[in-house]
Amino acid sequence: MLLYYFHTADGTPLTGRWISFADLPAGRFYNQAFQGYTGSELQRYFKNDIESLKLAALRSSGSLVPDSPGNLAFRFQALPHVPLLLVIWEGDEDFPPSFQFLFDAATAHYLPTDACAILGSTLTGRLKKSFPRSVS
């Protein structure tokens, strides 16, 4: 990951504008798979237990972001100039909660899209590991 970063980084400043994985270069092709093993995996694991996900995010060095695009969001600093935003839309009786990772619009100046997929997968695993579920 560091080699990707050092090879790709060009010093472009962060934009503060969040984009989906699909909006990364060639991300649209792989977006459904990415969402499957990140956001959808978090939904399967945490279900409607948003409080547990909040705790997992804080344990995983996430910082709460006020005025987020969803009901709740946590920012994670993966590498210098490579933040990830986990956005949570709380569910209700008609819809389950939804989770999505977003990237700063300048991320492609620091990592290729496949490396961003690895970051999302790694962070998903870390969130699950930081709040283990008991096996019945």
N, C-alpha and C. Protein backbone atom coordinates (compact mmCIF):
# COMPACT_ATOMS: atom_id res chain seq x y z
N MET A 1 0.83 -1.19 0.00
CA MET A 1 0.00 0.00 0.00
C MET A 1 0.88 1.25 0.00
N LEU A 2 1.94 1.23 0.82
CA LEU A 2 2.82 2.40 0.85
C LEU A 2 3.53 2.62 -0.48
N LEU A 3 3.90 1.54 -1.15
CA LEU A 3 4.54 1.70 -2.46
C LEU A 3 3.57 2.32 -3.47
N TYR A 4 2.32 1.86 -3.47
CA TYR A 4 1.31 2.50 -4.30
C TYR A 4 1.23 3.99 -3.99
N TYR A 5 1.17 4.29 -2.71
CA TYR A 5 1.02 5.67 -2.27
C TYR A 5 2.22 6.52 -2.74
N PHE A 6 3.43 6.04 -2.47
CA PHE A 6 4.61 6.83 -2.84
C PHE A 6 4.76 6.95 -4.36
N HIS A 7 4.33 5.95 -5.08
CA HIS A 7 4.41 6.00 -6.53
C HIS A 7 3.38 6.97 -7.13
N THR A 8 2.20 7.06 -6.53
CA THR A 8 1.09 7.82 -7.10
C THR A 8 0.99 9.25 -6.57
N ALA A 9 1.36 9.46 -5.30
CA ALA A 9 1.16 10.77 -4.65
C ALA A 9 1.82 11.89 -5.44
N ASP A 10 1.05 12.94 -5.72
CA ASP A 10 1.58 14.08 -6.47
C ASP A 10 1.41 15.42 -5.74
N GLY A 11 0.95 15.37 -4.49
CA GLY A 11 0.84 16.58 -3.70
C GLY A 11 -0.44 17.39 -3.90
N THR A 12 -1.37 16.88 -4.66
CA THR A 12 -2.64 17.58 -4.87
C THR A 12 -3.34 17.78 -3.54
N PRO A 13 -3.81 18.98 -3.24
CA PRO A 13 -4.51 19.19 -1.96
C PRO A 13 -5.86 18.47 -1.93
N LEU A 14 -6.27 18.12 -0.73
CA LEU A 14 -7.59 17.52 -0.55
C LEU A 14 -8.66 18.53 -0.95
N THR A 15 -9.78 18.03 -1.43
CA THR A 15 -10.84 18.93 -1.89
C THR A 15 -11.91 19.18 -0.83
N GLY A 16 -12.06 18.22 0.11
CA GLY A 16 -13.14 18.32 1.08
C GLY A 16 -14.47 17.89 0.49
N ARG A 17 -14.45 17.42 -0.75
CA ARG A 17 -15.65 16.94 -1.42
C ARG A 17 -15.58 15.42 -1.46
N TRP A 18 -16.62 14.78 -0.95
CA TRP A 18 -16.65 13.32 -0.84
C TRP A 18 -17.30 12.70 -2.07
N ILE A 19 -16.66 11.63 -2.58
CA ILE A 19 -17.19 10.92 -3.74
C ILE A 19 -17.29 9.44 -3.41
N SER A 20 -18.14 8.74 -4.15
CA SER A 20 -18.29 7.30 -3.94
C SER A 20 -17.16 6.56 -4.66
N PHE A 21 -17.05 5.28 -4.35
CA PHE A 21 -16.07 4.43 -5.03
C PHE A 21 -16.32 4.45 -6.54
N ALA A 22 -17.57 4.47 -6.93
CA ALA A 22 -17.92 4.48 -8.36
C ALA A 22 -17.36 5.70 -9.08
N ASP A 23 -17.14 6.78 -8.37
CA ASP A 23 -16.64 8.01 -8.98
C ASP A 23 -15.11 8.06 -9.07
N LEU A 24 -14.43 7.07 -8.51
CA LEU A 24 -12.98 6.97 -8.69
C LEU A 24 -12.71 6.49 -10.11
N PRO A 25 -11.51 6.72 -10.64
CA PRO A 25 -11.22 6.24 -12.00
C PRO A 25 -11.47 4.74 -12.13
N ALA A 26 -12.28 4.36 -13.09
CA ALA A 26 -12.66 2.96 -13.35
C ALA A 26 -13.39 2.32 -12.17
N GLY A 27 -13.88 3.12 -11.25
CA GLY A 27 -14.56 2.59 -10.07
C GLY A 27 -15.96 2.07 -10.36
N ARG A 28 -16.61 2.61 -11.36
CA ARG A 28 -17.98 2.20 -11.67
C ARG A 28 -18.04 0.71 -12.01
N PHE A 29 -17.02 0.20 -12.68
CA PHE A 29 -16.97 -1.20 -13.08
C PHE A 29 -16.97 -2.13 -11.86
N TYR A 30 -16.27 -1.73 -10.79
CA TYR A 30 -16.07 -2.59 -9.63
C TYR A 30 -16.92 -2.18 -8.43
N ASN A 31 -17.76 -1.17 -8.60
CA ASN A 31 -18.50 -0.60 -7.47
C ASN A 31 -19.42 -1.60 -6.77
N GLN A 32 -20.14 -2.40 -7.51
CA GLN A 32 -21.07 -3.34 -6.89
C GLN A 32 -20.32 -4.34 -6.02
N ALA A 33 -19.19 -4.84 -6.49
CA ALA A 33 -18.39 -5.77 -5.67
C ALA A 33 -17.85 -5.05 -4.44
N PHE A 34 -17.35 -3.82 -4.62
CA PHE A 34 -16.82 -3.06 -3.49
C PHE A 34 -17.89 -2.86 -2.42
N GLN A 35 -19.08 -2.45 -2.83
CA GLN A 35 -20.16 -2.25 -1.88
C GLN A 35 -20.54 -3.57 -1.20
N GLY A 36 -20.43 -4.67 -1.93
CA GLY A 36 -20.77 -5.97 -1.38
C GLY A 36 -19.88 -6.38 -0.22
N TYR A 37 -18.58 -6.10 -0.33
CA TYR A 37 -17.69 -6.52 0.76
C TYR A 37 -17.32 -5.38 1.71
N THR A 38 -17.97 -4.24 1.56
CA THR A 38 -17.77 -3.16 2.53
C THR A 38 -19.11 -2.78 3.16
N GLY A 39 -19.85 -1.90 2.54
CA GLY A 39 -21.11 -1.42 3.11
C GLY A 39 -22.12 -2.51 3.38
N SER A 40 -22.31 -3.40 2.42
CA SER A 40 -23.28 -4.49 2.62
C SER A 40 -22.80 -5.46 3.69
N GLU A 41 -21.49 -5.67 3.76
CA GLU A 41 -20.94 -6.54 4.80
C GLU A 41 -21.15 -5.94 6.19
N LEU A 42 -20.97 -4.64 6.31
CA LEU A 42 -21.23 -3.98 7.59
C LEU A 42 -22.71 -4.09 7.96
N GLN A 43 -23.58 -3.97 6.97
CA GLN A 43 -25.02 -4.10 7.23
C GLN A 43 -25.36 -5.51 7.71
N ARG A 44 -24.76 -6.52 7.08
CA ARG A 44 -25.00 -7.91 7.51
C ARG A 44 -24.47 -8.15 8.93
N TYR A 45 -23.33 -7.56 9.22
CA TYR A 45 -22.67 -7.81 10.51
C TYR A 45 -23.35 -7.04 11.65
N PHE A 46 -23.57 -5.75 11.46
CA PHE A 46 -24.11 -4.92 12.54
C PHE A 46 -25.64 -4.84 12.53
N LYS A 47 -26.25 -5.20 11.41
CA LYS A 47 -27.71 -5.17 11.26
C LYS A 47 -28.26 -3.80 11.66
N ASN A 48 -29.17 -3.73 12.61
CA ASN A 48 -29.75 -2.47 13.06
C ASN A 48 -29.05 -1.89 14.29
N ASP A 49 -27.94 -2.49 14.69
CA ASP A 49 -27.24 -2.09 15.91
C ASP A 49 -26.25 -0.95 15.61
N ILE A 50 -26.79 0.22 15.36
CA ILE A 50 -25.97 1.38 15.01
C ILE A 50 -25.07 1.78 16.17
N GLU A 51 -25.52 1.61 17.39
CA GLU A 51 -24.70 1.95 18.56
C GLU A 51 -23.42 1.12 18.60
N SER A 52 -23.53 -0.16 18.26
CA SER A 52 -22.33 -1.01 18.23
C SER A 52 -21.39 -0.57 17.12
N LEU A 53 -21.94 -0.18 15.97
CA LEU A 53 -21.09 0.30 14.89
C LEU A 53 -20.40 1.61 15.29
N LYS A 54 -21.10 2.47 15.99
CA LYS A 54 -20.48 3.72 16.48
C LYS A 54 -19.29 3.39 17.37
N LEU A 55 -19.49 2.46 18.29
CA LEU A 55 -18.41 2.06 19.20
C LEU A 55 -17.26 1.46 18.41
N ALA A 56 -17.56 0.61 17.44
CA ALA A 56 -16.51 0.00 16.62
C ALA A 56 -15.73 1.07 15.86
N ALA A 57 -16.42 2.07 15.33
CA ALA A 57 -15.75 3.15 14.59
C ALA A 57 -14.82 3.94 15.50
N LEU A 58 -15.28 4.25 16.69
CA LEU A 58 -14.43 4.99 17.64
C LEU A 58 -13.24 4.16 18.06
N ARG A 59 -13.44 2.87 18.29
CA ARG A 59 -12.34 1.97 18.66
C ARG A 59 -11.33 1.83 17.52
N SER A 60 -11.77 2.07 16.31
CA SER A 60 -10.91 1.93 15.13
C SER A 60 -10.35 3.25 14.66
N SER A 61 -10.27 4.21 15.55
CA SER A 61 -9.69 5.54 15.29
C SER A 61 -10.52 6.39 14.34
N GLY A 62 -11.80 6.13 14.29
CA GLY A 62 -12.68 6.98 13.51
C GLY A 62 -13.09 8.20 14.33
N SER A 63 -13.28 9.31 13.65
CA SER A 63 -13.75 10.50 14.35
C SER A 63 -15.11 10.89 13.79
N LEU A 64 -16.01 11.21 14.69
CA LEU A 64 -17.37 11.58 14.32
C LEU A 64 -17.34 12.87 13.49
N VAL A 65 -18.10 12.89 12.39
CA VAL A 65 -18.14 14.05 11.50
C VAL A 65 -19.50 14.72 11.64
N PRO A 66 -19.53 15.94 12.14
CA PRO A 66 -20.81 16.65 12.20
C PRO A 66 -21.25 17.05 10.80
N ASP A 67 -22.54 17.24 10.63
CA ASP A 67 -23.09 17.66 9.33
C ASP A 67 -22.69 16.71 8.20
N SER A 68 -22.85 15.43 8.45
CA SER A 68 -22.48 14.43 7.45
C SER A 68 -23.59 14.26 6.41
N PRO A 69 -23.26 13.64 5.28
CA PRO A 69 -24.28 13.44 4.25
C PRO A 69 -25.39 12.49 4.69
N GLY A 70 -25.14 11.57 5.60
CA GLY A 70 -26.16 10.63 6.08
C GLY A 70 -26.64 11.04 7.46
N ASN A 71 -27.14 10.07 8.20
CA ASN A 71 -27.55 10.33 9.58
C ASN A 71 -26.34 10.45 10.51
N LEU A 72 -25.26 9.81 10.11
CA LEU A 72 -24.07 9.72 10.95
C LEU A 72 -22.89 9.40 10.05
N ALA A 73 -21.70 9.91 10.38
CA ALA A 73 -20.51 9.58 9.59
C ALA A 73 -19.28 9.62 10.47
N PHE A 74 -18.31 8.77 10.11
CA PHE A 74 -17.02 8.72 10.78
C PHE A 74 -15.93 8.85 9.74
N ARG A 75 -14.91 9.65 10.07
CA ARG A 75 -13.77 9.86 9.18
C ARG A 75 -12.59 9.05 9.70
N PHE A 76 -11.93 8.37 8.78
CA PHE A 76 -10.75 7.57 9.10
C PHE A 76 -9.60 8.07 8.24
N GLN A 77 -8.43 8.22 8.84
CA GLN A 77 -7.27 8.67 8.08
C GLN A 77 -6.42 7.45 7.74
N ALA A 78 -6.57 6.94 6.53
CA ALA A 78 -5.85 5.73 6.12
C ALA A 78 -4.37 6.01 5.89
N LEU A 79 -4.08 7.08 5.18
CA LEU A 79 -2.72 7.51 4.87
C LEU A 79 -2.76 9.04 4.80
N PRO A 80 -1.60 9.69 4.82
CA PRO A 80 -1.64 11.14 4.62
C PRO A 80 -2.35 11.47 3.30
N HIS A 81 -3.26 12.37 3.32
CA HIS A 81 -4.04 12.78 2.15
C HIS A 81 -5.00 11.70 1.64
N VAL A 82 -5.26 10.68 2.45
CA VAL A 82 -6.21 9.63 2.04
C VAL A 82 -7.18 9.35 3.18
N PRO A 83 -8.16 10.25 3.35
CA PRO A 83 -9.21 9.98 4.34
C PRO A 83 -10.32 9.14 3.72
N LEU A 84 -10.99 8.36 4.55
CA LEU A 84 -12.20 7.65 4.14
C LEU A 84 -13.31 8.11 5.06
N LEU A 85 -14.49 8.20 4.53
CA LEU A 85 -15.66 8.58 5.30
C LEU A 85 -16.65 7.42 5.26
N LEU A 86 -17.02 6.92 6.43
CA LEU A 86 -18.06 5.91 6.52
C LEU A 86 -19.36 6.63 6.84
N VAL A 87 -20.29 6.58 5.89
CA VAL A 87 -21.57 7.25 6.06
C VAL A 87 -22.62 6.21 6.41
N ILE A 88 -23.43 6.52 7.41
CA ILE A 88 -24.45 5.61 7.91
C ILE A 88 -25.82 6.27 7.73
N TRP A 89 -26.70 5.56 7.06
CA TRP A 89 -28.09 5.98 6.97
C TRP A 89 -28.87 5.00 7.84
N GLU A 90 -29.45 5.50 8.92
CA GLU A 90 -30.18 4.63 9.83
C GLU A 90 -31.44 4.12 9.17
N GLY A 91 -31.76 2.88 9.43
CA GLY A 91 -32.95 2.27 8.86
C GLY A 91 -34.20 2.61 9.67
N ASP A 92 -35.30 2.11 9.19
CA ASP A 92 -36.57 2.25 9.91
C ASP A 92 -37.35 0.95 9.71
N GLU A 93 -38.63 0.97 9.99
CA GLU A 93 -39.41 -0.26 9.86
C GLU A 93 -39.53 -0.73 8.41
N ASP A 94 -39.31 0.15 7.45
CA ASP A 94 -39.43 -0.21 6.04
C ASP A 94 -38.10 -0.53 5.36
N PHE A 95 -37.02 0.07 5.85
CA PHE A 95 -35.72 -0.09 5.20
C PHE A 95 -34.64 -0.40 6.23
N PRO A 96 -33.71 -1.30 5.89
CA PRO A 96 -32.59 -1.56 6.79
C PRO A 96 -31.59 -0.40 6.74
N PRO A 97 -30.69 -0.31 7.71
CA PRO A 97 -29.66 0.73 7.63
C PRO A 97 -28.77 0.49 6.41
N SER A 98 -28.10 1.53 5.98
CA SER A 98 -27.22 1.46 4.82
C SER A 98 -25.89 2.09 5.20
N PHE A 99 -24.80 1.52 4.69
CA PHE A 99 -23.46 1.99 5.00
C PHE A 99 -22.69 2.15 3.70
N GLN A 100 -21.91 3.22 3.60
CA GLN A 100 -21.13 3.44 2.38
C GLN A 100 -19.84 4.18 2.72
N PHE A 101 -18.75 3.74 2.12
CA PHE A 101 -17.48 4.45 2.24
C PHE A 101 -17.38 5.47 1.12
N LEU A 102 -16.95 6.67 1.47
CA LEU A 102 -16.70 7.73 0.50
C LEU A 102 -15.23 8.12 0.59
N PHE A 103 -14.74 8.73 -0.48
CA PHE A 103 -13.34 9.13 -0.60
C PHE A 103 -13.28 10.60 -0.96
N ASP A 104 -12.22 11.27 -0.54
CA ASP A 104 -12.02 12.65 -0.98
C ASP A 104 -11.83 12.62 -2.49
N ALA A 105 -12.33 13.63 -3.17
CA ALA A 105 -12.25 13.68 -4.63
C ALA A 105 -10.81 13.69 -5.15
N ALA A 106 -9.84 14.00 -4.30
CA ALA A 106 -8.42 14.00 -4.72
C ALA A 106 -7.74 12.65 -4.49
N THR A 107 -8.45 11.67 -4.01
CA THR A 107 -7.83 10.39 -3.66
C THR A 107 -7.07 9.75 -4.82
N ALA A 108 -7.56 9.87 -6.03
CA ALA A 108 -6.87 9.27 -7.19
C ALA A 108 -5.48 9.86 -7.41
N HIS A 109 -5.19 10.99 -6.79
CA HIS A 109 -3.85 11.59 -6.88
C HIS A 109 -2.90 10.95 -5.87
N TYR A 110 -3.41 10.01 -5.07
CA TYR A 110 -2.59 9.38 -4.03
C TYR A 110 -2.60 7.86 -4.10
N LEU A 111 -3.66 7.27 -4.61
CA LEU A 111 -3.77 5.81 -4.71
C LEU A 111 -4.56 5.43 -5.95
N PRO A 112 -4.20 4.30 -6.57
CA PRO A 112 -5.05 3.79 -7.64
C PRO A 112 -6.35 3.21 -7.06
N THR A 113 -7.33 3.05 -7.88
CA THR A 113 -8.65 2.60 -7.43
C THR A 113 -8.60 1.24 -6.76
N ASP A 114 -7.79 0.31 -7.28
CA ASP A 114 -7.72 -1.02 -6.65
C ASP A 114 -7.15 -0.94 -5.24
N ALA A 115 -6.25 -0.01 -4.98
CA ALA A 115 -5.73 0.17 -3.62
C ALA A 115 -6.81 0.75 -2.71
N CYS A 116 -7.67 1.60 -3.26
CA CYS A 116 -8.79 2.14 -2.47
C CYS A 116 -9.74 1.01 -2.08
N ALA A 117 -9.93 0.05 -2.98
CA ALA A 117 -10.77 -1.11 -2.66
C ALA A 117 -10.17 -1.90 -1.50
N ILE A 118 -8.87 -2.05 -1.49
CA ILE A 118 -8.20 -2.76 -0.40
C ILE A 118 -8.37 -2.00 0.91
N LEU A 119 -8.26 -0.68 0.87
CA LEU A 119 -8.46 0.13 2.08
C LEU A 119 -9.86 -0.06 2.64
N GLY A 120 -10.87 -0.02 1.77
CA GLY A 120 -12.25 -0.21 2.23
C GLY A 120 -12.45 -1.58 2.85
N SER A 121 -11.89 -2.60 2.22
CA SER A 121 -12.01 -3.96 2.74
C SER A 121 -11.29 -4.10 4.08
N THR A 122 -10.11 -3.53 4.19
CA THR A 122 -9.34 -3.60 5.42
C THR A 122 -10.06 -2.89 6.55
N LEU A 123 -10.61 -1.73 6.28
CA LEU A 123 -11.33 -0.99 7.31
C LEU A 123 -12.60 -1.72 7.72
N THR A 124 -13.28 -2.34 6.79
CA THR A 124 -14.46 -3.14 7.12
C THR A 124 -14.07 -4.26 8.09
N GLY A 125 -12.99 -4.95 7.79
CA GLY A 125 -12.51 -6.01 8.68
C GLY A 125 -12.13 -5.49 10.04
N ARG A 126 -11.50 -4.33 10.08
CA ARG A 126 -11.10 -3.74 11.37
C ARG A 126 -12.32 -3.38 12.20
N LEU A 127 -13.35 -2.83 11.56
CA LEU A 127 -14.58 -2.48 12.29
C LEU A 127 -15.23 -3.72 12.88
N LYS A 128 -15.30 -4.78 12.10
CA LYS A 128 -15.89 -6.02 12.60
C LYS A 128 -15.06 -6.61 13.73
N LYS A 129 -13.76 -6.57 13.58
CA LYS A 129 -12.87 -7.15 14.60
C LYS A 129 -12.91 -6.34 15.91
N SER A 130 -13.15 -5.04 15.81
CA SER A 130 -13.16 -4.20 17.02
C SER A 130 -14.45 -4.34 17.81
N PHE A 131 -15.44 -5.01 17.22
CA PHE A 131 -16.68 -5.28 17.96
C PHE A 131 -17.13 -6.69 17.63
N PRO A 132 -16.43 -7.69 18.21
CA PRO A 132 -16.76 -9.07 17.88
C PRO A 132 -18.16 -9.46 18.35
N ARG A 133 -18.82 -10.22 17.52
CA ARG A 133 -20.14 -10.76 17.84
C ARG A 133 -19.95 -12.11 18.51
N SER A 134 -20.76 -12.40 19.53
CA SER A 134 -20.69 -13.71 20.15
C SER A 134 -21.34 -14.74 19.25
N VAL A 135 -20.74 -15.90 19.21
CA VAL A 135 -21.28 -16.98 18.39
C VAL A 135 -22.20 -17.82 19.26
N SER A 136 -23.44 -18.05 18.80
CA SER A 136 -24.37 -18.82 19.61
C SER A 136 -24.35 -20.25 19.23
